[in-house]
Amino acid sequence: MVIVYFAICNATLASNQAKVSTIKYMIENANLRGLLKEILYELLKADDAFRTWEALRYNAHGGDEILTLRSPRR
């Protein structure tokens, strides 16, 4: 978080202190854990959908594979 804040300060050259303070406040008060959890959840949903699609496609072409609709990670 500190690195991000200093990067913003350097990028804006601290010319607009109110803008920098607002960005700093947003970074400090962001629920980063919640955001990362949501991103991971979306990635897992996409991965599960891809695995399901692959299994269905394989079976549609006469494969003998058992459909695995749940990801093995869970």
PDB file of N, CA and C in Angstrom:
ATOM      1  N   MET A   1       0.827  -1.180   0.000  1.00  0.00           N
ATOM      2  CA  MET A   1       0.000   0.000   0.000  1.00  0.00           C
ATOM      3  C   MET A   1       0.876   1.249   0.000  1.00  0.00           C
ATOM      4  N   VAL A   2       1.931   1.208   0.760  1.00  0.00           N
ATOM      5  CA  VAL A   2       2.838   2.357   0.808  1.00  0.00           C
ATOM      6  C   VAL A   2       3.477   2.580  -0.549  1.00  0.00           C
ATOM      7  N   ILE A   3       3.853   1.496  -1.216  1.00  0.00           N
ATOM      8  CA  ILE A   3       4.474   1.610  -2.540  1.00  0.00           C
ATOM      9  C   ILE A   3       3.493   2.239  -3.523  1.00  0.00           C
ATOM     10  N   VAL A   4       2.237   1.799  -3.479  1.00  0.00           N
ATOM     11  CA  VAL A   4       1.227   2.366  -4.372  1.00  0.00           C
ATOM     12  C   VAL A   4       1.046   3.851  -4.099  1.00  0.00           C
ATOM     13  N   TYR A   5       0.996   4.217  -2.832  1.00  0.00           N
ATOM     14  CA  TYR A   5       0.807   5.627  -2.471  1.00  0.00           C
ATOM     15  C   TYR A   5       1.959   6.483  -2.993  1.00  0.00           C
ATOM     16  N   PHE A   6       3.192   6.023  -2.798  1.00  0.00           N
ATOM     17  CA  PHE A   6       4.332   6.804  -3.276  1.00  0.00           C
ATOM     18  C   PHE A   6       4.385   6.845  -4.795  1.00  0.00           C
ATOM     19  N   ALA A   7       3.953   5.780  -5.444  1.00  0.00           N
ATOM     20  CA  ALA A   7       3.911   5.788  -6.906  1.00  0.00           C
ATOM     21  C   ALA A   7       2.912   6.827  -7.403  1.00  0.00           C
ATOM     22  N   ILE A   8       1.777   6.923  -6.722  1.00  0.00           N
ATOM     23  CA  ILE A   8       0.780   7.930  -7.100  1.00  0.00           C
ATOM     24  C   ILE A   8       1.325   9.333  -6.861  1.00  0.00           C
ATOM     25  N   CYS A   9       1.975   9.536  -5.735  1.00  0.00           N
ATOM     26  CA  CYS A   9       2.556  10.854  -5.437  1.00  0.00           C
ATOM     27  C   CYS A   9       3.588  11.240  -6.486  1.00  0.00           C
ATOM     28  N   ASN A  10       4.423  10.296  -6.885  1.00  0.00           N
ATOM     29  CA  ASN A  10       5.441  10.590  -7.891  1.00  0.00           C
ATOM     30  C   ASN A  10       4.813  10.837  -9.254  1.00  0.00           C
ATOM     31  N   ALA A  11       3.768  10.083  -9.576  1.00  0.00           N
ATOM     32  CA  ALA A  11       3.129  10.242 -10.881  1.00  0.00           C
ATOM     33  C   ALA A  11       2.420  11.586 -10.992  1.00  0.00           C
ATOM     34  N   THR A  12       1.834  12.030  -9.903  1.00  0.00           N
ATOM     35  CA  THR A  12       1.121  13.315  -9.933  1.00  0.00           C
ATOM     36  C   THR A  12       2.028  14.473  -9.545  1.00  0.00           C
ATOM     37  N   LEU A  13       3.235  14.159  -9.131  1.00  0.00           N
ATOM     38  CA  LEU A  13       4.213  15.147  -8.675  1.00  0.00           C
ATOM     39  C   LEU A  13       3.682  15.963  -7.507  1.00  0.00           C
ATOM     40  N   ALA A  14       2.717  15.396  -6.829  1.00  0.00           N
ATOM     41  CA  ALA A  14       2.110  16.029  -5.646  1.00  0.00           C
ATOM     42  C   ALA A  14       1.672  17.456  -5.934  1.00  0.00           C
ATOM     43  N   SER A  15       1.311  17.728  -7.192  1.00  0.00           N
ATOM     44  CA  SER A  15       0.895  19.082  -7.549  1.00  0.00           C
ATOM     45  C   SER A  15      -0.499  19.401  -7.027  1.00  0.00           C
ATOM     46  N   ASN A  16      -1.336  18.385  -6.952  1.00  0.00           N
ATOM     47  CA  ASN A  16      -2.693  18.598  -6.457  1.00  0.00           C
ATOM     48  C   ASN A  16      -2.846  17.781  -5.180  1.00  0.00           C
ATOM     49  N   GLN A  17      -2.588  18.401  -4.052  1.00  0.00           N
ATOM     50  CA  GLN A  17      -2.571  17.695  -2.767  1.00  0.00           C
ATOM     51  C   GLN A  17      -3.926  17.090  -2.430  1.00  0.00           C
ATOM     52  N   ALA A  18      -5.011  17.774  -2.789  1.00  0.00           N
ATOM     53  CA  ALA A  18      -6.350  17.240  -2.502  1.00  0.00           C
ATOM     54  C   ALA A  18      -6.583  15.946  -3.275  1.00  0.00           C
ATOM     55  N   LYS A  19      -6.139  15.926  -4.519  1.00  0.00           N
ATOM     56  CA  LYS A  19      -6.295  14.726  -5.348  1.00  0.00           C
ATOM     57  C   LYS A  19      -5.488  13.572  -4.768  1.00  0.00           C
ATOM     58  N   VAL A  20      -4.259  13.833  -4.377  1.00  0.00           N
ATOM     59  CA  VAL A  20      -3.403  12.805  -3.789  1.00  0.00           C
ATOM     60  C   VAL A  20      -4.001  12.296  -2.484  1.00  0.00           C
ATOM     61  N   SER A  21      -4.522  13.194  -1.664  1.00  0.00           N
ATOM     62  CA  SER A  21      -5.137  12.791  -0.396  1.00  0.00           C
ATOM     63  C   SER A  21      -6.361  11.916  -0.628  1.00  0.00           C
ATOM     64  N   THR A  22      -7.148  12.262  -1.643  1.00  0.00           N
ATOM     65  CA  THR A  22      -8.333  11.462  -1.958  1.00  0.00           C
ATOM     66  C   THR A  22      -7.941  10.068  -2.405  1.00  0.00           C
ATOM     67  N   ILE A  23      -6.938   9.975  -3.266  1.00  0.00           N
ATOM     68  CA  ILE A  23      -6.472   8.668  -3.741  1.00  0.00           C
ATOM     69  C   ILE A  23      -5.902   7.863  -2.581  1.00  0.00           C
ATOM     70  N   LYS A  24      -5.144   8.513  -1.719  1.00  0.00           N
ATOM     71  CA  LYS A  24      -4.577   7.830  -0.551  1.00  0.00           C
ATOM     72  C   LYS A  24      -5.694   7.287   0.337  1.00  0.00           C
ATOM     73  N   TYR A  25      -6.725   8.076   0.562  1.00  0.00           N
ATOM     74  CA  TYR A  25      -7.858   7.648   1.393  1.00  0.00           C
ATOM     75  C   TYR A  25      -8.542   6.431   0.769  1.00  0.00           C
ATOM     76  N   MET A  26      -8.740   6.464  -0.552  1.00  0.00           N
ATOM     77  CA  MET A  26      -9.393   5.347  -1.234  1.00  0.00           C
ATOM     78  C   MET A  26      -8.563   4.078  -1.117  1.00  0.00           C
ATOM     79  N   ILE A  27      -7.249   4.190  -1.240  1.00  0.00           N
ATOM     80  CA  ILE A  27      -6.376   3.018  -1.136  1.00  0.00           C
ATOM     81  C   ILE A  27      -6.387   2.466   0.280  1.00  0.00           C
ATOM     82  N   GLU A  28      -6.278   3.350   1.256  1.00  0.00           N
ATOM     83  CA  GLU A  28      -6.214   2.900   2.649  1.00  0.00           C
ATOM     84  C   GLU A  28      -7.513   2.262   3.108  1.00  0.00           C
ATOM     85  N   ASN A  29      -8.641   2.699   2.561  1.00  0.00           N
ATOM     86  CA  ASN A  29      -9.929   2.203   3.014  1.00  0.00           C
ATOM     87  C   ASN A  29     -10.530   1.142   2.100  1.00  0.00           C
ATOM     88  N   ALA A  30      -9.810   0.761   1.074  1.00  0.00           N
ATOM     89  CA  ALA A  30     -10.313  -0.285   0.187  1.00  0.00           C
ATOM     90  C   ALA A  30     -10.265  -1.625   0.907  1.00  0.00           C
ATOM     91  N   ASN A  31     -11.268  -2.409   0.666  1.00  0.00           N
ATOM     92  CA  ASN A  31     -11.307  -3.751   1.226  1.00  0.00           C
ATOM     93  C   ASN A  31     -10.537  -4.658   0.265  1.00  0.00           C
ATOM     94  N   LEU A  32      -9.209  -4.608   0.355  1.00  0.00           N
ATOM     95  CA  LEU A  32      -8.375  -5.340  -0.591  1.00  0.00           C
ATOM     96  C   LEU A  32      -8.585  -6.843  -0.493  1.00  0.00           C
ATOM     97  N   ARG A  33      -8.769  -7.343   0.712  1.00  0.00           N
ATOM     98  CA  ARG A  33      -8.994  -8.779   0.871  1.00  0.00           C
ATOM     99  C   ARG A  33     -10.297  -9.201   0.184  1.00  0.00           C
ATOM    100  N   GLY A  34     -11.323  -8.388   0.350  1.00  0.00           N
ATOM    101  CA  GLY A  34     -12.603  -8.676  -0.295  1.00  0.00           C
ATOM    102  C   GLY A  34     -12.505  -8.613  -1.811  1.00  0.00           C
ATOM    103  N   LEU A  35     -11.775  -7.607  -2.310  1.00  0.00           N
ATOM    104  CA  LEU A  35     -11.599  -7.488  -3.754  1.00  0.00           C
ATOM    105  C   LEU A  35     -10.854  -8.688  -4.319  1.00  0.00           C
ATOM    106  N   LEU A  36      -9.775  -9.097  -3.650  1.00  0.00           N
ATOM    107  CA  LEU A  36      -9.013 -10.254  -4.116  1.00  0.00           C
ATOM    108  C   LEU A  36      -9.848 -11.527  -4.057  1.00  0.00           C
ATOM    109  N   LYS A  37     -10.666 -11.654  -3.025  1.00  0.00           N
ATOM    110  CA  LYS A  37     -11.534 -12.824  -2.893  1.00  0.00           C
ATOM    111  C   LYS A  37     -12.531 -12.887  -4.052  1.00  0.00           C
ATOM    112  N   GLU A  38     -13.111 -11.741  -4.412  1.00  0.00           N
ATOM    113  CA  GLU A  38     -14.059 -11.701  -5.525  1.00  0.00           C
ATOM    114  C   GLU A  38     -13.382 -12.026  -6.851  1.00  0.00           C
ATOM    115  N   ILE A  39     -12.166 -11.503  -7.048  1.00  0.00           N
ATOM    116  CA  ILE A  39     -11.424 -11.792  -8.275  1.00  0.00           C
ATOM    117  C   ILE A  39     -11.124 -13.280  -8.368  1.00  0.00           C
ATOM    118  N   LEU A  40     -10.660 -13.877  -7.268  1.00  0.00           N
ATOM    119  CA  LEU A  40     -10.366 -15.308  -7.251  1.00  0.00           C
ATOM    120  C   LEU A  40     -11.623 -16.121  -7.519  1.00  0.00           C
ATOM    121  N   TYR A  41     -12.739 -15.722  -6.929  1.00  0.00           N
ATOM    122  CA  TYR A  41     -14.004 -16.428  -7.129  1.00  0.00           C
ATOM    123  C   TYR A  41     -14.404 -16.414  -8.604  1.00  0.00           C
ATOM    124  N   GLU A  42     -14.262 -15.256  -9.262  1.00  0.00           N
ATOM    125  CA  GLU A  42     -14.603 -15.157 -10.684  1.00  0.00           C
ATOM    126  C   GLU A  42     -13.682 -16.028 -11.530  1.00  0.00           C
ATOM    127  N   LEU A  43     -12.398 -16.067 -11.173  1.00  0.00           N
ATOM    128  CA  LEU A  43     -11.465 -16.922 -11.909  1.00  0.00           C
ATOM    129  C   LEU A  43     -11.817 -18.393 -11.748  1.00  0.00           C
ATOM    130  N   LEU A  44     -12.181 -18.796 -10.536  1.00  0.00           N
ATOM    131  CA  LEU A  44     -12.560 -20.189 -10.295  1.00  0.00           C
ATOM    132  C   LEU A  44     -13.838 -20.549 -11.048  1.00  0.00           C
ATOM    133  N   LYS A  45     -14.801 -19.624 -11.094  1.00  0.00           N
ATOM    134  CA  LYS A  45     -16.027 -19.884 -11.850  1.00  0.00           C
ATOM    135  C   LYS A  45     -15.710 -20.076 -13.330  1.00  0.00           C
ATOM    136  N   ALA A  46     -14.845 -19.248 -13.864  1.00  0.00           N
ATOM    137  CA  ALA A  46     -14.468 -19.361 -15.269  1.00  0.00           C
ATOM    138  C   ALA A  46     -13.755 -20.683 -15.522  1.00  0.00           C
ATOM    139  N   ASP A  47     -12.880 -21.085 -14.603  1.00  0.00           N
ATOM    140  CA  ASP A  47     -12.156 -22.342 -14.750  1.00  0.00           C
ATOM    141  C   ASP A  47     -13.113 -23.524 -14.687  1.00  0.00           C
ATOM    142  N   ASP A  48     -14.058 -23.500 -13.751  1.00  0.00           N
ATOM    143  CA  ASP A  48     -15.043 -24.578 -13.644  1.00  0.00           C
ATOM    144  C   ASP A  48     -15.893 -24.668 -14.903  1.00  0.00           C
ATOM    145  N   ALA A  49     -16.291 -23.524 -15.445  1.00  0.00           N
ATOM    146  CA  ALA A  49     -17.088 -23.521 -16.670  1.00  0.00           C
ATOM    147  C   ALA A  49     -16.292 -24.114 -17.822  1.00  0.00           C
ATOM    148  N   PHE A  50     -15.008 -23.785 -17.899  1.00  0.00           N
ATOM    149  CA  PHE A  50     -14.169 -24.334 -18.964  1.00  0.00           C
ATOM    150  C   PHE A  50     -14.022 -25.841 -18.817  1.00  0.00           C
ATOM    151  N   ARG A  51     -13.784 -26.322 -17.581  1.00  0.00           N
ATOM    152  CA  ARG A  51     -13.651 -27.767 -17.355  1.00  0.00           C
ATOM    153  C   ARG A  51     -14.941 -28.498 -17.712  1.00  0.00           C
ATOM    154  N   THR A  52     -16.081 -27.919 -17.353  1.00  0.00           N
ATOM    155  CA  THR A  52     -17.369 -28.533 -17.672  1.00  0.00           C
ATOM    156  C   THR A  52     -17.561 -28.590 -19.178  1.00  0.00           C
ATOM    157  N   TRP A  53     -17.240 -27.494 -19.865  1.00  0.00           N
ATOM    158  CA  TRP A  53     -17.370 -27.446 -21.315  1.00  0.00           C
ATOM    159  C   TRP A  53     -16.471 -28.487 -21.971  1.00  0.00           C
ATOM    160  N   GLU A  54     -15.237 -28.611 -21.499  1.00  0.00           N
ATOM    161  CA  GLU A  54     -14.314 -29.604 -22.051  1.00  0.00           C
ATOM    162  C   GLU A  54     -14.852 -31.018 -21.855  1.00  0.00           C
ATOM    163  N   ALA A  55     -15.378 -31.312 -20.662  1.00  0.00           N
ATOM    164  CA  ALA A  55     -15.905 -32.649 -20.387  1.00  0.00           C
ATOM    165  C   ALA A  55     -17.120 -32.941 -21.267  1.00  0.00           C
ATOM    166  N   LEU A  56     -18.004 -31.971 -21.416  1.00  0.00           N
ATOM    167  CA  LEU A  56     -19.180 -32.168 -22.261  1.00  0.00           C
ATOM    168  C   LEU A  56     -18.787 -32.351 -23.719  1.00  0.00           C
ATOM    169  N   ARG A  57     -17.825 -31.579 -24.162  1.00  0.00           N
ATOM    170  CA  ARG A  57     -17.368 -31.692 -25.552  1.00  0.00           C
ATOM    171  C   ARG A  57     -16.742 -33.055 -25.792  1.00  0.00           C
ATOM    172  N   TYR A  58     -15.944 -33.523 -24.837  1.00  0.00           N
ATOM    173  CA  TYR A  58     -15.288 -34.826 -24.960  1.00  0.00           C
ATOM    174  C   TYR A  58     -16.336 -35.930 -25.036  1.00  0.00           C
ATOM    175  N   ASN A  59     -17.349 -35.866 -24.179  1.00  0.00           N
ATOM    176  CA  ASN A  59     -18.392 -36.887 -24.160  1.00  0.00           C
ATOM    177  C   ASN A  59     -19.278 -36.820 -25.397  1.00  0.00           C
ATOM    178  N   ALA A  60     -19.447 -35.641 -25.947  1.00  0.00           N
ATOM    179  CA  ALA A  60     -20.271 -35.496 -27.144  1.00  0.00           C
ATOM    180  C   ALA A  60     -19.642 -36.199 -28.336  1.00  0.00           C
ATOM    181  N   HIS A  61     -18.335 -36.396 -28.304  1.00  0.00           N
ATOM    182  CA  HIS A  61     -17.637 -37.049 -29.406  1.00  0.00           C
ATOM    183  C   HIS A  61     -17.366 -38.519 -29.123  1.00  0.00           C
ATOM    184  N   GLY A  62     -18.116 -39.108 -28.195  1.00  0.00           N
ATOM    185  CA  GLY A  62     -18.011 -40.542 -27.964  1.00  0.00           C
ATOM    186  C   GLY A  62     -16.980 -40.953 -26.941  1.00  0.00           C
ATOM    187  N   GLY A  63     -16.484 -40.030 -26.134  1.00  0.00           N
ATOM    188  CA  GLY A  63     -15.512 -40.393 -25.110  1.00  0.00           C
ATOM    189  C   GLY A  63     -16.180 -41.132 -23.966  1.00  0.00           C
ATOM    190  N   ASP A  64     -15.433 -41.936 -23.251  1.00  0.00           N
ATOM    191  CA  ASP A  64     -15.976 -42.688 -22.127  1.00  0.00           C
ATOM    192  C   ASP A  64     -15.673 -42.026 -20.796  1.00  0.00           C
ATOM    193  N   GLU A  65     -15.238 -40.786 -20.827  1.00  0.00           N
ATOM    194  CA  GLU A  65     -14.872 -40.085 -19.600  1.00  0.00           C
ATOM    195  C   GLU A  65     -16.120 -39.779 -18.771  1.00  0.00           C
ATOM    196  N   ILE A  66     -16.014 -39.959 -17.464  1.00  0.00           N
ATOM    197  CA  ILE A  66     -17.102 -39.584 -16.566  1.00  0.00           C
ATOM    198  C   ILE A  66     -17.079 -38.070 -16.415  1.00  0.00           C
ATOM    199  N   LEU A  67     -18.239 -37.465 -16.502  1.00  0.00           N
ATOM    200  CA  LEU A  67     -18.305 -36.009 -16.359  1.00  0.00           C
ATOM    201  C   LEU A  67     -17.911 -35.593 -14.954  1.00  0.00           C
ATOM    202  N   THR A  68     -17.000 -34.667 -14.870  1.00  0.00           N
ATOM    203  CA  THR A  68     -16.607 -34.113 -13.583  1.00  0.00           C
ATOM    204  C   THR A  68     -17.067 -32.666 -13.573  1.00  0.00           C
ATOM    205  N   LEU A  69     -18.194 -32.418 -12.967  1.00  0.00           N
ATOM    206  CA  LEU A  69     -18.760 -31.074 -13.005  1.00  0.00           C
ATOM    207  C   LEU A  69     -18.214 -30.184 -11.906  1.00  0.00           C
ATOM    208  N   ARG A  70     -17.558 -30.759 -10.937  1.00  0.00           N
ATOM    209  CA  ARG A  70     -16.971 -29.957  -9.861  1.00  0.00           C
ATOM    210  C   ARG A  70     -15.464 -29.940 -10.020  1.00  0.00           C
ATOM    211  N   SER A  71     -14.899 -28.824  -9.691  1.00  0.00           N
ATOM    212  CA  SER A  71     -13.451 -28.693  -9.762  1.00  0.00           C
ATOM    213  C   SER A  71     -12.813 -29.545  -8.667  1.00  0.00           C
ATOM    214  N   PRO A  72     -11.696 -30.194  -8.937  1.00  0.00           N
ATOM    215  CA  PRO A  72     -11.034 -31.013  -7.914  1.00  0.00           C
ATOM    216  C   PRO A  72     -10.425 -30.188  -6.784  1.00  0.00           C
ATOM    217  N   ARG A  73     -10.348 -28.859  -6.952  1.00  0.00           N
ATOM    218  CA  ARG A  73      -9.736 -28.014  -5.922  1.00  0.00           C
ATOM    219  C   ARG A  73     -10.650 -27.813  -4.726  1.00  0.00           C
ATOM    220  N   ARG A  74     -11.943 -28.037  -4.886  1.00  0.00           N
ATOM    221  CA  ARG A  74     -12.875 -27.672  -3.815  1.00  0.00           C
ATOM    222  C   ARG A  74     -13.264 -28.858  -2.997  1.00  0.00           C
TER     223      ARG A  74
END
